[in-house]
Amino acid sequence: MELIILDRDGVINQDSDDYIKSADEFIPIPGSLEAISRLNHAGYLVVIATNQSGISRGYFSMDTLNQIHDKLKRLLNGLGGRVDGIFFWSVRRNRPTAGYRSGRGARRRRFIT
């Protein structure tokens, strides 16, 4: 089985300079969910890798992020599709955070919803 890794904002859903801060603001790009479903039916695993610094900026919570991803999963399910994993990074760039390193070759913690 082969793996496809997709970004979320601007690839699957419409992006916003104001961040996607609620499930209501999550609006799929036309055809994106159908494309994921077609990939699933062709035997591909589909994973999302997304930067969600809005959490560390205080724009939305983990609960809200889960609601957004639940909406994505429901919409995909209605089309016979799925995502096999969602990985996100919630720390702002250029901002030191305990337990994380930055720079080339640095290992970063991963979160899955």
C-alpha atoms as a PDB file:
ATOM      1  CA  MET A   1       0.000   0.000   0.000  1.00  0.00           C
ATOM      2  CA  GLU A   2       1.275   3.483  -0.828  1.00  0.00           C
ATOM      3  CA  LEU A   3       0.969   6.600   1.306  1.00  0.00           C
ATOM      4  CA  ILE A   4      -0.171  10.070   0.280  1.00  0.00           C
ATOM      5  CA  ILE A   5       0.584  12.947   2.685  1.00  0.00           C
ATOM      6  CA  LEU A   6      -1.511  16.079   2.231  1.00  0.00           C
ATOM      7  CA  ASP A   7      -1.454  19.483   3.867  1.00  0.00           C
ATOM      8  CA  ARG A   8      -4.864  20.621   5.093  1.00  0.00           C
ATOM      9  CA  ASP A   9      -5.366  24.379   4.715  1.00  0.00           C
ATOM     10  CA  GLY A  10      -5.245  25.448   1.084  1.00  0.00           C
ATOM     11  CA  VAL A  11      -5.110  21.842  -0.170  1.00  0.00           C
ATOM     12  CA  ILE A  12      -8.218  20.199   1.280  1.00  0.00           C
ATOM     13  CA  ASN A  13     -10.065  23.252   2.581  1.00  0.00           C
ATOM     14  CA  GLN A  14     -10.112  26.936   1.792  1.00  0.00           C
ATOM     15  CA  ASP A  15      -7.354  28.747   3.667  1.00  0.00           C
ATOM     16  CA  SER A  16      -7.737  31.988   5.597  1.00  0.00           C
ATOM     17  CA  ASP A  17      -5.251  34.603   6.782  1.00  0.00           C
ATOM     18  CA  ASP A  18      -7.455  34.741   9.896  1.00  0.00           C
ATOM     19  CA  TYR A  19      -7.007  30.979  10.538  1.00  0.00           C
ATOM     20  CA  ILE A  20      -9.688  28.296  10.450  1.00  0.00           C
ATOM     21  CA  LYS A  21     -11.032  28.713  13.999  1.00  0.00           C
ATOM     22  CA  SER A  22     -14.219  26.623  13.947  1.00  0.00           C
ATOM     23  CA  ALA A  23     -15.843  23.724  12.160  1.00  0.00           C
ATOM     24  CA  ASP A  24     -18.150  26.234  10.451  1.00  0.00           C
ATOM     25  CA  GLU A  25     -15.098  27.941   8.916  1.00  0.00           C
ATOM     26  CA  PHE A  26     -13.857  24.624   7.478  1.00  0.00           C
ATOM     27  CA  ILE A  27     -14.990  24.788   3.842  1.00  0.00           C
ATOM     28  CA  PRO A  28     -13.663  22.068   1.529  1.00  0.00           C
ATOM     29  CA  ILE A  29     -12.127  23.124  -1.763  1.00  0.00           C
ATOM     30  CA  PRO A  30     -14.458  21.806  -4.493  1.00  0.00           C
ATOM     31  CA  GLY A  31     -13.375  18.325  -5.542  1.00  0.00           C
ATOM     32  CA  SER A  32     -10.809  17.836  -2.768  1.00  0.00           C
ATOM     33  CA  LEU A  33     -12.843  15.376  -0.709  1.00  0.00           C
ATOM     34  CA  GLU A  34     -13.872  13.423  -3.790  1.00  0.00           C
ATOM     35  CA  ALA A  35     -10.192  13.199  -4.767  1.00  0.00           C
ATOM     36  CA  ILE A  36      -9.301  11.780  -1.344  1.00  0.00           C
ATOM     37  CA  SER A  37     -12.102   9.227  -1.675  1.00  0.00           C
ATOM     38  CA  ARG A  38     -10.790   8.212  -5.105  1.00  0.00           C
ATOM     39  CA  LEU A  39      -7.301   7.789  -3.637  1.00  0.00           C
ATOM     40  CA  ASN A  40      -8.748   5.570  -0.895  1.00  0.00           C
ATOM     41  CA  HIS A  41     -10.598   3.432  -3.438  1.00  0.00           C
ATOM     42  CA  ALA A  42      -7.402   3.104  -5.464  1.00  0.00           C
ATOM     43  CA  GLY A  43      -5.711   1.594  -2.400  1.00  0.00           C
ATOM     44  CA  TYR A  44      -3.769   4.576  -1.082  1.00  0.00           C
ATOM     45  CA  LEU A  45      -3.432   5.491   2.580  1.00  0.00           C
ATOM     46  CA  VAL A  46      -4.122   9.204   3.014  1.00  0.00           C
ATOM     47  CA  VAL A  47      -2.589  11.152   5.894  1.00  0.00           C
ATOM     48  CA  ILE A  48      -2.834  14.849   6.687  1.00  0.00           C
ATOM     49  CA  ALA A  49       0.169  16.781   8.028  1.00  0.00           C
ATOM     50  CA  THR A  50      -0.743  20.317   9.030  1.00  0.00           C
ATOM     51  CA  ASN A  51       0.645  23.286  10.925  1.00  0.00           C
ATOM     52  CA  GLN A  52      -1.932  24.593  13.407  1.00  0.00           C
ATOM     53  CA  SER A  53      -0.111  27.402  15.215  1.00  0.00           C
ATOM     54  CA  GLY A  54      -3.497  29.000  15.941  1.00  0.00           C
ATOM     55  CA  ILE A  55      -3.615  26.746  19.010  1.00  0.00           C
ATOM     56  CA  SER A  56      -0.452  28.242  20.529  1.00  0.00           C
ATOM     57  CA  ARG A  57      -1.618  31.718  19.503  1.00  0.00           C
ATOM     58  CA  GLY A  58      -4.829  31.168  21.481  1.00  0.00           C
ATOM     59  CA  TYR A  59      -7.131  31.493  18.448  1.00  0.00           C
ATOM     60  CA  PHE A  60      -8.737  28.094  19.037  1.00  0.00           C
ATOM     61  CA  SER A  61      -8.469  25.092  21.349  1.00  0.00           C
ATOM     62  CA  MET A  62      -7.629  21.423  20.899  1.00  0.00           C
ATOM     63  CA  ASP A  63     -11.345  20.683  21.283  1.00  0.00           C
ATOM     64  CA  THR A  64     -12.070  23.002  18.362  1.00  0.00           C
ATOM     65  CA  LEU A  65      -9.334  21.394  16.255  1.00  0.00           C
ATOM     66  CA  ASN A  66     -10.895  17.997  16.970  1.00  0.00           C
ATOM     67  CA  GLN A  67     -14.317  19.339  15.930  1.00  0.00           C
ATOM     68  CA  ILE A  68     -12.829  20.608  12.657  1.00  0.00           C
ATOM     69  CA  HIS A  69     -11.214  17.244  11.981  1.00  0.00           C
ATOM     70  CA  ASP A  70     -14.401  15.401  12.948  1.00  0.00           C
ATOM     71  CA  LYS A  71     -16.267  17.464  10.338  1.00  0.00           C
ATOM     72  CA  LEU A  72     -13.635  16.572   7.733  1.00  0.00           C
ATOM     73  CA  LYS A  73     -13.950  12.873   8.596  1.00  0.00           C
ATOM     74  CA  ARG A  74     -17.785  12.990   8.467  1.00  0.00           C
ATOM     75  CA  LEU A  75     -17.771  14.692   5.072  1.00  0.00           C
ATOM     76  CA  LEU A  76     -15.290  12.156   3.723  1.00  0.00           C
ATOM     77  CA  ASN A  77     -17.271   9.262   5.170  1.00  0.00           C
ATOM     78  CA  GLY A  78     -20.336  10.513   3.297  1.00  0.00           C
ATOM     79  CA  LEU A  79     -18.337  10.145   0.080  1.00  0.00           C
ATOM     80  CA  GLY A  80     -16.964   6.722   0.955  1.00  0.00           C
ATOM     81  CA  GLY A  81     -13.560   8.161   1.847  1.00  0.00           C
ATOM     82  CA  ARG A  82     -11.373   8.476   4.924  1.00  0.00           C
ATOM     83  CA  VAL A  83      -8.123   9.848   6.285  1.00  0.00           C
ATOM     84  CA  ASP A  84      -5.848   7.283   7.864  1.00  0.00           C
ATOM     85  CA  GLY A  85      -4.200   9.767  10.214  1.00  0.00           C
ATOM     86  CA  ILE A  86      -3.911  13.445  11.018  1.00  0.00           C
ATOM     87  CA  PHE A  87      -0.602  14.799  12.278  1.00  0.00           C
ATOM     88  CA  PHE A  88      -0.307  18.409  13.336  1.00  0.00           C
ATOM     89  CA  TRP A  89       2.254  20.816  14.700  1.00  0.00           C
ATOM     90  CA  SER A  90       0.803  23.484  16.982  1.00  0.00           C
ATOM     91  CA  VAL A  91       3.850  25.476  18.030  1.00  0.00           C
ATOM     92  CA  ARG A  92       4.571  28.853  16.465  1.00  0.00           C
ATOM     93  CA  ARG A  93       7.675  29.157  14.310  1.00  0.00           C
ATOM     94  CA  ASN A  94      10.655  31.015  15.800  1.00  0.00           C
ATOM     95  CA  ARG A  95       9.259  30.727  19.306  1.00  0.00           C
ATOM     96  CA  PRO A  96      11.191  28.593  21.806  1.00  0.00           C
ATOM     97  CA  THR A  97       9.074  25.975  23.512  1.00  0.00           C
ATOM     98  CA  ALA A  98      10.203  23.613  26.272  1.00  0.00           C
ATOM     99  CA  GLY A  99      10.666  20.063  25.017  1.00  0.00           C
ATOM    100  CA  TYR A 100      11.070  21.026  21.360  1.00  0.00           C
ATOM    101  CA  ARG A 101      14.102  21.759  19.248  1.00  0.00           C
ATOM    102  CA  SER A 102      14.153  23.645  16.000  1.00  0.00           C
ATOM    103  CA  GLY A 103      16.551  23.755  13.111  1.00  0.00           C
ATOM    104  CA  ARG A 104      17.782  21.363  10.489  1.00  0.00           C
ATOM    105  CA  GLY A 105      17.590  17.711  11.509  1.00  0.00           C
ATOM    106  CA  ALA A 106      15.768  18.448  14.767  1.00  0.00           C
ATOM    107  CA  ARG A 107      13.305  15.882  16.009  1.00  0.00           C
ATOM    108  CA  ARG A 108       9.862  17.244  16.770  1.00  0.00           C
ATOM    109  CA  ARG A 109       7.072  15.790  18.814  1.00  0.00           C
ATOM    110  CA  ARG A 110       4.121  14.505  16.828  1.00  0.00           C
ATOM    111  CA  PHE A 111       0.472  14.685  17.728  1.00  0.00           C
ATOM    112  CA  ILE A 112      -2.303  12.599  16.235  1.00  0.00           C
ATOM    113  CA  THR A 113      -6.056  13.239  16.249  1.00  0.00           C
END
